Amino acid sequence: MKIQTSIQQRFADADTLGHVNNIHLQEYFDLGKMELYHRILGERIDWRGINLVLVSIKTDMMRQTRLGDDLCVESWVENIGNKSMSVGQRLINKADGVANAECHTVVVCFDFATQSAVPFPDEWRTLLTAWLEEN
């Protein structure tokens, strides 16, 4: 299942021509990832202990995003490994349903106390696996 996150643009997201700067597209994708994590894992992420960290990101822009576009980000889990998972996303212009950009990321389960990648906690793995199987 894809989770949709509505995007509220800010005036500062765009240049004088009304084109949204590509760096802000990454912020839009981050909003989608946060909602995805919250929907699957709930309040289980402890930013001081074991957490998810971004280790790889690839974004393709297919067309311009403009200030005033009615946007949403679709996010989904593509696959789950032992210590990492990949997340797919699309920035959709709601006016025509076409993707302005696509993003694929890899996140790793990371223990900040030991500064190392660790396997997903059992509770997270259960929730992530159930989500992937249901969707």
C-alpha atoms as a PDB file:
ATOM      1  CA  MET A   1       0.000   0.000   0.000  1.00  0.00           C
ATOM      2  CA  LYS A   2       1.179   3.474  -0.798  1.00  0.00           C
ATOM      3  CA  ILE A   3       0.790   6.151   1.813  1.00  0.00           C
ATOM      4  CA  GLN A   4      -0.126   9.587   0.519  1.00  0.00           C
ATOM      5  CA  THR A   5       1.184  12.684   2.253  1.00  0.00           C
ATOM      6  CA  SER A   6      -0.206  16.060   1.202  1.00  0.00           C
ATOM      7  CA  ILE A   7       2.478  18.691   0.744  1.00  0.00           C
ATOM      8  CA  GLN A   8       2.078  22.253   1.926  1.00  0.00           C
ATOM      9  CA  GLN A   9       4.382  24.423  -0.136  1.00  0.00           C
ATOM     10  CA  ARG A  10       6.061  27.505   1.236  1.00  0.00           C
ATOM     11  CA  PHE A  11       6.709  30.689  -0.700  1.00  0.00           C
ATOM     12  CA  ALA A  12      10.451  30.250  -0.077  1.00  0.00           C
ATOM     13  CA  ASP A  13      10.415  26.851  -1.865  1.00  0.00           C
ATOM     14  CA  ALA A  14      10.411  28.565  -5.267  1.00  0.00           C
ATOM     15  CA  ASP A  15      12.646  30.894  -7.244  1.00  0.00           C
ATOM     16  CA  THR A  16      11.441  34.111  -8.905  1.00  0.00           C
ATOM     17  CA  LEU A  17      10.067  32.106 -11.854  1.00  0.00           C
ATOM     18  CA  GLY A  18       7.880  29.985  -9.576  1.00  0.00           C
ATOM     19  CA  HIS A  19      10.004  26.843 -10.042  1.00  0.00           C
ATOM     20  CA  VAL A  20      10.448  24.774  -6.864  1.00  0.00           C
ATOM     21  CA  ASN A  21      14.136  24.234  -6.116  1.00  0.00           C
ATOM     22  CA  ASN A  22      15.164  20.569  -6.264  1.00  0.00           C
ATOM     23  CA  ILE A  23      16.458  20.635  -2.679  1.00  0.00           C
ATOM     24  CA  HIS A  24      12.886  21.242  -1.521  1.00  0.00           C
ATOM     25  CA  LEU A  25      11.713  18.153  -3.397  1.00  0.00           C
ATOM     26  CA  GLN A  26      13.939  16.147  -1.010  1.00  0.00           C
ATOM     27  CA  GLU A  27      12.211  17.851   1.909  1.00  0.00           C
ATOM     28  CA  TYR A  28       8.851  16.802   0.454  1.00  0.00           C
ATOM     29  CA  PHE A  29      10.103  13.217   0.176  1.00  0.00           C
ATOM     30  CA  ASP A  30      11.328  13.396   3.794  1.00  0.00           C
ATOM     31  CA  LEU A  31       7.808  14.342   4.912  1.00  0.00           C
ATOM     32  CA  GLY A  32       6.503  11.263   3.117  1.00  0.00           C
ATOM     33  CA  LYS A  33       9.112   9.000   4.719  1.00  0.00           C
ATOM     34  CA  MET A  34       8.287  10.332   8.184  1.00  0.00           C
ATOM     35  CA  GLU A  35       4.599   9.597   7.694  1.00  0.00           C
ATOM     36  CA  LEU A  36       5.413   6.125   6.338  1.00  0.00           C
ATOM     37  CA  TYR A  37       7.582   5.342   9.389  1.00  0.00           C
ATOM     38  CA  HIS A  38       4.911   6.665  11.737  1.00  0.00           C
ATOM     39  CA  ARG A  39       2.118   4.672  10.068  1.00  0.00           C
ATOM     40  CA  ILE A  40       4.098   1.432  10.167  1.00  0.00           C
ATOM     41  CA  LEU A  41       6.121   1.765  13.360  1.00  0.00           C
ATOM     42  CA  GLY A  42       3.934   4.190  15.320  1.00  0.00           C
ATOM     43  CA  GLU A  43       5.829   6.061  18.019  1.00  0.00           C
ATOM     44  CA  ARG A  44       8.491   3.367  18.296  1.00  0.00           C
ATOM     45  CA  ILE A  45      11.454   5.316  16.905  1.00  0.00           C
ATOM     46  CA  ASP A  46      13.739   6.673  19.631  1.00  0.00           C
ATOM     47  CA  TRP A  47      15.949   9.333  18.104  1.00  0.00           C
ATOM     48  CA  ARG A  48      18.508   8.827  20.888  1.00  0.00           C
ATOM     49  CA  GLY A  49      18.832   5.041  20.655  1.00  0.00           C
ATOM     50  CA  ILE A  50      18.286   2.739  17.710  1.00  0.00           C
ATOM     51  CA  ASN A  51      17.057   4.665  14.714  1.00  0.00           C
ATOM     52  CA  LEU A  52      16.782   4.713  10.947  1.00  0.00           C
ATOM     53  CA  VAL A  53      19.455   6.588   9.002  1.00  0.00           C
ATOM     54  CA  LEU A  54      19.508   7.384   5.317  1.00  0.00           C
ATOM     55  CA  VAL A  55      22.480   5.831   3.501  1.00  0.00           C
ATOM     56  CA  SER A  56      21.528   6.109  -0.172  1.00  0.00           C
ATOM     57  CA  ILE A  57      19.204   8.295  -2.188  1.00  0.00           C
ATOM     58  CA  LYS A  58      18.432   8.511  -5.898  1.00  0.00           C
ATOM     59  CA  THR A  59      16.000  11.061  -7.270  1.00  0.00           C
ATOM     60  CA  ASP A  60      14.822  11.493 -10.843  1.00  0.00           C
ATOM     61  CA  MET A  61      12.985  14.640 -11.884  1.00  0.00           C
ATOM     62  CA  MET A  62      10.614  14.072 -14.807  1.00  0.00           C
ATOM     63  CA  ARG A  63       9.132  17.555 -15.000  1.00  0.00           C
ATOM     64  CA  GLN A  64       9.108  20.858 -13.158  1.00  0.00           C
ATOM     65  CA  THR A  65       7.364  21.372  -9.875  1.00  0.00           C
ATOM     66  CA  ARG A  66       5.890  24.845  -9.553  1.00  0.00           C
ATOM     67  CA  LEU A  67       4.763  26.987  -6.680  1.00  0.00           C
ATOM     68  CA  GLY A  68       1.019  26.486  -6.303  1.00  0.00           C
ATOM     69  CA  ASP A  69       0.970  22.893  -7.605  1.00  0.00           C
ATOM     70  CA  ASP A  70      -1.345  20.697  -5.529  1.00  0.00           C
ATOM     71  CA  LEU A  71       1.126  17.987  -4.500  1.00  0.00           C
ATOM     72  CA  CYS A  72       1.270  14.759  -2.571  1.00  0.00           C
ATOM     73  CA  VAL A  73       4.018  12.236  -1.962  1.00  0.00           C
ATOM     74  CA  GLU A  74       3.251   8.546  -2.354  1.00  0.00           C
ATOM     75  CA  SER A  75       5.557   6.386  -0.211  1.00  0.00           C
ATOM     76  CA  TRP A  76       5.930   2.631   0.153  1.00  0.00           C
ATOM     77  CA  VAL A  77       8.358   0.002   1.436  1.00  0.00           C
ATOM     78  CA  GLU A  78      10.005  -1.776  -1.495  1.00  0.00           C
ATOM     79  CA  ASN A  79      11.857  -4.465   0.446  1.00  0.00           C
ATOM     80  CA  ILE A  80      13.278  -5.298   3.854  1.00  0.00           C
ATOM     81  CA  GLY A  81      16.699  -6.751   4.562  1.00  0.00           C
ATOM     82  CA  ASN A  82      18.401  -7.730   7.816  1.00  0.00           C
ATOM     83  CA  LYS A  83      19.672  -4.229   8.704  1.00  0.00           C
ATOM     84  CA  SER A  84      18.217  -2.094   5.928  1.00  0.00           C
ATOM     85  CA  MET A  85      15.148  -1.433   3.845  1.00  0.00           C
ATOM     86  CA  SER A  86      14.424   0.416   0.645  1.00  0.00           C
ATOM     87  CA  VAL A  87      11.658   2.970   0.268  1.00  0.00           C
ATOM     88  CA  GLY A  88      10.091   4.118  -3.002  1.00  0.00           C
ATOM     89  CA  GLN A  89       8.369   7.459  -3.465  1.00  0.00           C
ATOM     90  CA  ARG A  90       6.698   9.627  -6.101  1.00  0.00           C
ATOM     91  CA  LEU A  91       5.901  13.336  -5.991  1.00  0.00           C
ATOM     92  CA  ILE A  92       2.481  13.531  -7.623  1.00  0.00           C
ATOM     93  CA  ASN A  93       0.803  16.601  -9.073  1.00  0.00           C
ATOM     94  CA  LYS A  94      -2.803  16.020  -8.021  1.00  0.00           C
ATOM     95  CA  ALA A  95      -4.169  18.092 -10.931  1.00  0.00           C
ATOM     96  CA  ASP A  96      -3.283  15.377 -13.457  1.00  0.00           C
ATOM     97  CA  GLY A  97      -2.057  12.472 -11.296  1.00  0.00           C
ATOM     98  CA  VAL A  98       1.347  12.474 -13.002  1.00  0.00           C
ATOM     99  CA  ALA A  99       4.626  12.130 -11.097  1.00  0.00           C
ATOM    100  CA  ASN A 100       6.909  15.157 -11.178  1.00  0.00           C
ATOM    101  CA  ALA A 101       9.735  13.200  -9.508  1.00  0.00           C
ATOM    102  CA  GLU A 102      10.595   9.744  -8.166  1.00  0.00           C
ATOM    103  CA  CYS A 103      12.868   8.886  -5.274  1.00  0.00           C
ATOM    104  CA  HIS A 104      14.377   5.618  -4.056  1.00  0.00           C
ATOM    105  CA  THR A 105      16.174   5.497  -0.726  1.00  0.00           C
ATOM    106  CA  VAL A 106      17.904   2.934   1.430  1.00  0.00           C
ATOM    107  CA  VAL A 107      17.736   3.335   5.190  1.00  0.00           C
ATOM    108  CA  VAL A 108      19.724   1.381   7.747  1.00  0.00           C
ATOM    109  CA  CYS A 109      18.809   0.485  11.303  1.00  0.00           C
ATOM    110  CA  PHE A 110      21.545   2.222  13.310  1.00  0.00           C
ATOM    111  CA  ASP A 111      22.537   2.123  16.978  1.00  0.00           C
ATOM    112  CA  PHE A 112      23.885   5.538  17.922  1.00  0.00           C
ATOM    113  CA  ALA A 113      25.363   4.229  21.182  1.00  0.00           C
ATOM    114  CA  THR A 114      27.649   1.776  19.358  1.00  0.00           C
ATOM    115  CA  GLN A 115      27.826   3.790  16.107  1.00  0.00           C
ATOM    116  CA  SER A 116      27.051   0.730  14.022  1.00  0.00           C
ATOM    117  CA  ALA A 117      24.355  -0.773  11.844  1.00  0.00           C
ATOM    118  CA  VAL A 118      22.269  -3.363  13.675  1.00  0.00           C
ATOM    119  CA  PRO A 119      19.507  -5.796  12.697  1.00  0.00           C
ATOM    120  CA  PHE A 120      15.987  -4.446  12.947  1.00  0.00           C
ATOM    121  CA  PRO A 121      14.542  -4.956  16.433  1.00  0.00           C
ATOM    122  CA  ASP A 122      12.105  -7.886  16.455  1.00  0.00           C
ATOM    123  CA  GLU A 123       9.108  -5.610  17.014  1.00  0.00           C
ATOM    124  CA  TRP A 124      10.067  -3.426  14.023  1.00  0.00           C
ATOM    125  CA  ARG A 125      10.713  -6.461  11.822  1.00  0.00           C
ATOM    126  CA  THR A 126       7.293  -7.880  12.707  1.00  0.00           C
ATOM    127  CA  LEU A 127       5.559  -4.589  11.875  1.00  0.00           C
ATOM    128  CA  LEU A 128       7.553  -4.008   8.669  1.00  0.00           C
ATOM    129  CA  THR A 129       7.088  -7.572   7.439  1.00  0.00           C
ATOM    130  CA  ALA A 130       3.353  -7.482   8.161  1.00  0.00           C
ATOM    131  CA  TRP A 131       3.068  -4.168   6.295  1.00  0.00           C
ATOM    132  CA  LEU A 132       4.953  -5.491   3.282  1.00  0.00           C
ATOM    133  CA  GLU A 133       2.915  -8.716   3.154  1.00  0.00           C
ATOM    134  CA  GLU A 134      -0.394  -6.849   3.443  1.00  0.00           C
ATOM    135  CA  ASN A 135       0.525  -4.442   0.717  1.00  0.00           C
END
